């Protein structure tokens, strides 16, 4: 009885953590829409993400984490920090945020389940496959107008491919965190530190930036949200959810992000919710719950 109770409690905490990630990443999409209208380059936003999170994490990481764990944390930083972050931010230069909601948050469960299927000899439960198909259909409905609009930009497909590549990086990150049983708090601190150490020198020496033209308010908003909430809190909560409920279950919850983003944009940005979007929200929610 005690073991069953503990397992149920772990599952509940894991799902609550995944739901928190949904809220954090939905806010990330909305904040990034504000950033897209400012003067930032994709490399500026990445620098703010890695610079702020790295500055917070470095003293804690050096104090709490043994050097013998650093190699694994470097690998996690390469996929869950640098790979995911840079691909997403460059993708925003080609495709709108709505595409990121579909291809990143729909791509993460797709890649996660595909990798798990390959490594397990394609022994994936039928309800999981049905849940993935439902969520994918709902995501396409939510992003239908943006994805298939007649006036879509000619280069938006480049952003879409970058978003899918970013989703693959995050899926690998989640699976490695679970396989290696890395403590979420230490893993996220390591990602922040090694991402900052690898990226900031390259950014300062060679990459195009436009921070000097941005207002302090815009810098504070992007630095605070990208560096603290998106990089540290969302990553840590997702790692915790993966370890408590499993990679496929945690990744399926991320399919709710576009739905939460659409609702948040309606409430905050006064963006209209069309019938197709509402149907998509219902379908993707059913798929996430089934998953």
Protein backbone atom coordinates (compact mmCIF):
# COMPACT_ATOMS: atom_id res chain seq x y z
CA UNK A 1 0.00 0.00 0.00
CA UNK A 2 2.83 2.38 0.89
CA UNK A 3 4.63 1.73 -2.40
CA UNK A 4 1.44 2.28 -4.40
CA UNK A 5 0.77 5.53 -2.55
CA UNK A 6 4.32 6.74 -3.20
CA UNK A 7 4.05 5.84 -6.87
CA UNK A 8 0.74 7.71 -7.19
CA UNK A 9 2.21 10.73 -5.44
CA UNK A 10 5.22 10.70 -7.76
CA UNK A 11 2.95 10.53 -10.81
CA UNK A 12 0.84 13.43 -9.52
CA UNK A 13 3.91 15.58 -8.85
CA UNK A 14 5.33 14.68 -12.24
CA UNK A 15 2.16 15.66 -14.08
CA UNK A 16 1.91 18.92 -12.12
CA UNK A 17 5.52 19.67 -13.08
CA UNK A 18 4.72 18.98 -16.74
CA UNK A 19 1.70 21.28 -16.50
CA UNK A 20 3.96 24.01 -15.09
CA UNK A 21 6.24 23.56 -18.13
CA UNK A 22 3.19 24.02 -20.37
CA UNK A 23 2.50 27.37 -18.69
CA UNK A 24 6.17 28.43 -18.84
CA UNK A 25 6.55 27.56 -22.54
CA UNK A 26 3.23 29.14 -23.45
CA UNK A 27 4.51 32.34 -21.88
CA UNK A 28 7.77 31.84 -23.77
CA UNK A 29 5.87 31.95 -27.08
CA UNK A 30 4.01 35.11 -26.06
CA UNK A 31 7.16 36.87 -24.77
CA UNK A 32 8.98 35.89 -27.96
CA UNK A 33 6.22 37.58 -29.96
CA UNK A 34 6.99 40.78 -28.10
CA UNK A 35 10.69 40.24 -28.76
CA UNK A 36 10.08 39.70 -32.46
CA UNK A 37 8.80 43.28 -32.73
CA UNK A 38 11.88 44.69 -31.00
CA UNK A 39 15.37 45.15 -32.40
CA UNK A 40 16.92 41.89 -31.14
CA UNK A 41 18.70 39.45 -33.42
CA UNK A 42 18.21 35.71 -32.69
CA UNK A 43 21.77 35.70 -31.35
CA UNK A 44 20.95 38.52 -28.91
CA UNK A 45 18.07 36.55 -27.39
CA UNK A 46 20.23 33.43 -27.12
CA UNK A 47 22.94 35.51 -25.41
CA UNK A 48 20.42 36.85 -22.89
CA UNK A 49 19.12 33.32 -22.25
CA UNK A 50 22.55 31.77 -21.71
CA UNK A 51 24.13 34.82 -20.07
CA UNK A 52 21.48 35.30 -17.39
CA UNK A 53 20.99 31.59 -16.64
CA UNK A 54 24.76 30.95 -16.65
CA UNK A 55 25.49 33.82 -14.25
CA UNK A 56 22.89 32.50 -11.80
CA UNK A 57 23.89 28.86 -12.15
CA UNK A 58 27.71 29.00 -12.14
CA UNK A 59 28.39 29.56 -8.40
CA UNK A 60 25.74 26.99 -7.42
CA UNK A 61 27.08 24.47 -9.93
CA UNK A 62 30.69 24.78 -8.78
CA UNK A 63 29.61 24.39 -5.16
CA UNK A 64 27.25 21.42 -5.47
CA UNK A 65 28.34 19.35 -8.49
CA UNK A 66 31.39 17.08 -8.60
CA UNK A 67 33.73 17.40 -11.63
CA UNK A 68 33.17 13.72 -12.41
CA UNK A 69 29.60 14.63 -13.50
CA UNK A 70 30.69 17.42 -15.83
CA UNK A 71 31.11 15.32 -19.03
CA UNK A 72 27.46 14.22 -19.02
CA UNK A 73 26.33 17.75 -18.27
CA UNK A 74 28.36 18.99 -21.25
CA UNK A 75 26.49 16.56 -23.51
CA UNK A 76 23.16 17.70 -22.06
CA UNK A 77 24.17 21.33 -22.63
CA UNK A 78 25.01 20.59 -26.27
CA UNK A 79 21.51 19.25 -27.01
CA UNK A 80 19.16 20.76 -24.41
CA UNK A 81 20.90 24.11 -24.15
CA UNK A 82 22.84 25.19 -27.24
CA UNK A 83 21.17 22.92 -29.80
CA UNK A 84 17.61 23.62 -28.73
CA UNK A 85 18.03 27.33 -27.97
CA UNK A 86 19.99 28.41 -31.04
CA UNK A 87 17.81 26.43 -33.47
CA UNK A 88 14.60 27.88 -31.99
CA UNK A 89 15.80 31.48 -32.01
CA UNK A 90 17.12 31.29 -35.58
CA UNK A 91 13.85 29.61 -36.57
CA UNK A 92 11.96 32.66 -35.31
CA UNK A 93 13.80 34.73 -37.95
CA UNK A 94 12.11 32.71 -40.71
CA UNK A 95 8.75 31.52 -39.33
CA UNK A 96 6.18 32.98 -36.91
CA UNK A 97 5.69 31.87 -33.32
CA UNK A 98 2.57 29.88 -34.26
CA UNK A 99 4.77 27.58 -36.32
CA UNK A 100 7.09 27.08 -33.34
CA UNK A 101 4.12 26.06 -31.22
CA UNK A 102 3.17 23.39 -33.74
CA UNK A 103 6.56 22.07 -34.82
CA UNK A 104 8.50 22.36 -31.55
CA UNK A 105 5.81 21.28 -29.12
CA UNK A 106 4.34 18.76 -31.54
CA UNK A 107 7.79 17.60 -32.57
CA UNK A 108 9.02 16.80 -29.05
CA UNK A 109 6.50 13.99 -28.37
CA UNK A 110 6.88 12.78 -31.97
CA UNK A 111 10.68 12.48 -31.74
CA UNK A 112 10.54 11.13 -28.17
CA UNK A 113 8.16 8.31 -29.06
CA UNK A 114 9.98 7.60 -32.34
CA UNK A 115 13.35 7.27 -30.58
CA UNK A 116 11.79 5.10 -27.87
CA UNK A 117 10.15 2.94 -30.57
CA UNK A 118 13.45 2.43 -32.39
CA UNK A 119 15.39 1.62 -29.23
CA UNK A 120 12.69 -0.75 -27.94
CA UNK A 121 12.14 -2.63 -31.20
CA UNK A 122 8.94 -0.67 -31.98
CA UNK A 123 7.09 -2.03 -28.96
CA UNK A 124 4.93 1.03 -28.33
CA UNK A 125 1.48 0.74 -26.73
CA UNK A 126 -1.44 1.42 -29.08
CA UNK A 127 -2.98 4.10 -26.79
CA UNK A 128 0.30 6.03 -26.98
CA UNK A 129 0.23 5.95 -30.79
CA UNK A 130 -3.43 7.06 -30.82
CA UNK A 131 -2.64 9.88 -28.40
CA UNK A 132 0.23 11.06 -30.59
CA UNK A 133 -1.96 11.03 -33.71
CA UNK A 134 -4.72 12.97 -31.91
CA UNK A 135 -2.30 15.56 -30.61
CA UNK A 136 -0.70 15.97 -34.03
CA UNK A 137 -4.11 16.47 -35.65
CA UNK A 138 -5.04 19.04 -33.01
CA UNK A 139 -1.76 20.91 -33.44
CA UNK A 140 -2.28 21.12 -37.20
CA UNK A 141 -5.78 22.48 -36.63
CA UNK A 142 -4.46 25.13 -34.22
CA UNK A 143 -1.78 26.18 -36.68
CA UNK A 144 -3.88 25.67 -39.82
CA UNK A 145 -4.36 29.33 -40.74
CA UNK A 146 -0.73 30.21 -40.12
CA UNK A 147 0.76 27.11 -41.73
CA UNK A 148 -1.37 27.07 -44.87
CA UNK A 149 -2.10 30.76 -45.40
CA UNK A 150 -1.95 31.91 -49.01
CA UNK A 151 0.40 34.76 -48.09
CA UNK A 152 2.85 32.60 -46.17
CA UNK A 153 6.48 33.64 -46.57
CA UNK A 154 8.61 31.79 -49.09
CA UNK A 155 11.27 30.92 -46.52
CA UNK A 156 9.00 29.85 -43.66
CA UNK A 157 9.80 26.20 -44.39
CA UNK A 158 13.37 26.90 -43.25
CA UNK A 159 12.07 28.00 -39.85
CA UNK A 160 9.80 24.96 -39.68
CA UNK A 161 12.74 22.62 -40.28
CA UNK A 162 14.76 24.44 -37.62
CA UNK A 163 11.88 24.07 -35.17
CA UNK A 164 11.71 20.34 -35.87
CA UNK A 165 15.47 20.06 -35.34
CA UNK A 166 15.11 21.95 -32.04
CA UNK A 167 12.39 19.51 -30.99
CA UNK A 168 14.73 16.60 -31.75
CA UNK A 169 17.41 18.17 -29.54
CA UNK A 170 14.96 18.56 -26.65
CA UNK A 171 13.66 15.01 -27.06
CA UNK A 172 17.22 13.65 -26.86
CA UNK A 173 17.86 15.83 -23.81
CA UNK A 174 14.80 14.45 -21.99
CA UNK A 175 15.65 10.84 -22.79
CA UNK A 176 19.27 11.26 -21.69
CA UNK A 177 18.19 12.89 -18.42
CA UNK A 178 16.05 9.85 -17.64
CA UNK A 179 18.57 7.28 -18.85
CA UNK A 180 21.43 8.77 -16.85
CA UNK A 181 19.17 9.59 -13.85
CA UNK A 182 20.66 13.06 -13.62
CA UNK A 183 19.17 15.09 -10.78
CA UNK A 184 17.03 17.79 -12.47
CA UNK A 185 18.42 20.68 -10.44
CA UNK A 186 22.04 19.73 -11.14
CA UNK A 187 21.39 18.92 -14.80
CA UNK A 188 19.81 22.32 -15.44
CA UNK A 189 22.61 24.14 -13.61
CA UNK A 190 25.14 22.29 -15.76
CA UNK A 191 23.29 23.09 -18.98
CA UNK A 192 23.18 26.79 -18.06
CA UNK A 193 26.89 26.93 -17.19
CA UNK A 194 28.32 25.02 -20.14
CA UNK A 195 25.96 26.68 -22.63
CA UNK A 196 27.09 30.12 -21.44
CA UNK A 197 30.77 29.18 -21.47
CA UNK A 198 30.53 27.80 -25.01
CA UNK A 199 28.22 30.41 -26.55
CA UNK A 200 29.05 33.83 -25.09
CA UNK A 201 32.66 34.08 -26.36
CA UNK A 202 31.51 33.16 -29.88
CA UNK A 203 28.65 35.66 -29.69
CA UNK A 204 30.86 38.52 -28.44
CA UNK A 205 33.57 37.92 -31.03
CA UNK A 206 31.75 36.93 -34.20
CA UNK A 207 27.94 36.91 -34.15
CA UNK A 208 25.77 39.90 -35.19
CA UNK A 209 24.11 41.66 -32.29
CA UNK A 210 21.90 44.68 -31.73
CA UNK A 211 21.49 44.87 -27.95
CA UNK A 212 22.67 48.48 -27.85
CA UNK A 213 19.58 49.58 -29.80
CA UNK A 214 17.12 47.82 -27.48
CA UNK A 215 15.46 49.48 -24.49
CA UNK A 216 16.35 48.42 -20.96
CA UNK A 217 12.77 47.28 -20.43
CA UNK A 218 12.90 44.98 -23.44
CA UNK A 219 16.27 43.61 -22.36
CA UNK A 220 14.98 42.97 -18.82
CA UNK A 221 11.86 41.22 -20.12
CA UNK A 222 13.76 38.94 -22.49
CA UNK A 223 16.64 38.31 -20.09
CA UNK A 224 14.38 37.55 -17.16
CA UNK A 225 11.97 35.30 -19.01
CA UNK A 226 14.43 33.56 -21.33
CA UNK A 227 17.22 33.23 -18.76
CA UNK A 228 15.26 32.37 -15.62
CA UNK A 229 11.85 30.96 -16.54
CA UNK A 230 12.55 29.34 -19.93
CA UNK A 231 16.11 28.15 -19.31
CA UNK A 232 16.12 27.27 -15.60
CA UNK A 233 12.57 26.70 -14.38
CA UNK A 234 11.05 25.11 -17.50
CA UNK A 235 14.06 22.87 -18.06
CA UNK A 236 14.19 21.80 -14.42
CA UNK A 237 10.47 21.09 -14.17
CA UNK A 238 10.53 19.11 -17.43
CA UNK A 239 13.46 17.00 -16.24
CA UNK A 240 11.62 16.31 -12.99
CA UNK A 241 8.45 15.32 -14.88
CA UNK A 242 10.39 12.96 -17.16
CA UNK A 243 11.87 11.15 -14.18
CA UNK A 244 8.55 10.88 -12.36
CA UNK A 245 6.12 9.90 -15.15
CA UNK A 246 8.35 8.96 -18.11
CA UNK A 247 9.61 10.67 -21.22
CA UNK A 248 6.66 9.88 -23.49
CA UNK A 249 4.06 10.98 -20.93
CA UNK A 250 5.88 14.22 -20.10
CA UNK A 251 6.44 15.05 -23.77
CA UNK A 252 2.77 14.45 -24.60
CA UNK A 253 1.82 17.14 -22.09
CA UNK A 254 3.81 19.65 -24.16
CA UNK A 255 1.24 19.23 -26.93
CA UNK A 256 -0.93 21.49 -24.77
CA UNK A 257 1.44 24.44 -25.21
CA UNK A 258 -0.06 25.77 -28.48
CA UNK A 259 -3.53 25.56 -26.95
CA UNK A 260 -2.43 27.48 -23.85
CA UNK A 261 -0.59 29.95 -26.09
CA UNK A 262 -3.69 30.55 -28.20
CA UNK A 263 -5.81 31.12 -25.09
CA UNK A 264 -3.14 33.38 -23.56
CA UNK A 265 -2.83 35.37 -26.78
CA UNK A 266 -6.62 35.79 -26.80
CA UNK A 267 -6.66 37.06 -23.20
CA UNK A 268 -3.42 39.11 -23.25
CA UNK A 269 -2.88 40.15 -26.87
CA UNK A 270 -6.56 40.23 -27.88
CA UNK A 271 -5.92 37.80 -30.74
CA UNK A 272 -9.05 36.12 -32.11
CA UNK A 273 -9.83 32.44 -31.50
CA UNK A 274 -11.33 30.94 -34.65
CA UNK A 275 -13.54 27.85 -34.75
CA UNK A 276 -10.72 25.75 -36.24
CA UNK A 277 -8.41 26.78 -33.40
CA UNK A 278 -11.03 25.96 -30.76
CA UNK A 279 -11.60 22.50 -32.27
CA UNK A 280 -7.83 22.00 -32.37
CA UNK A 281 -7.54 22.92 -28.68
CA UNK A 282 -10.16 20.31 -27.77
CA UNK A 283 -8.55 17.59 -29.92
CA UNK A 284 -5.01 18.21 -28.70
CA UNK A 285 -6.22 18.28 -25.08
CA UNK A 286 -7.89 14.89 -25.50
CA UNK A 287 -4.70 13.52 -27.06
CA UNK A 288 -2.51 14.88 -24.24
CA UNK A 289 -4.82 13.46 -21.56
CA UNK A 290 -4.89 10.07 -23.28
CA UNK A 291 -1.09 10.15 -23.53
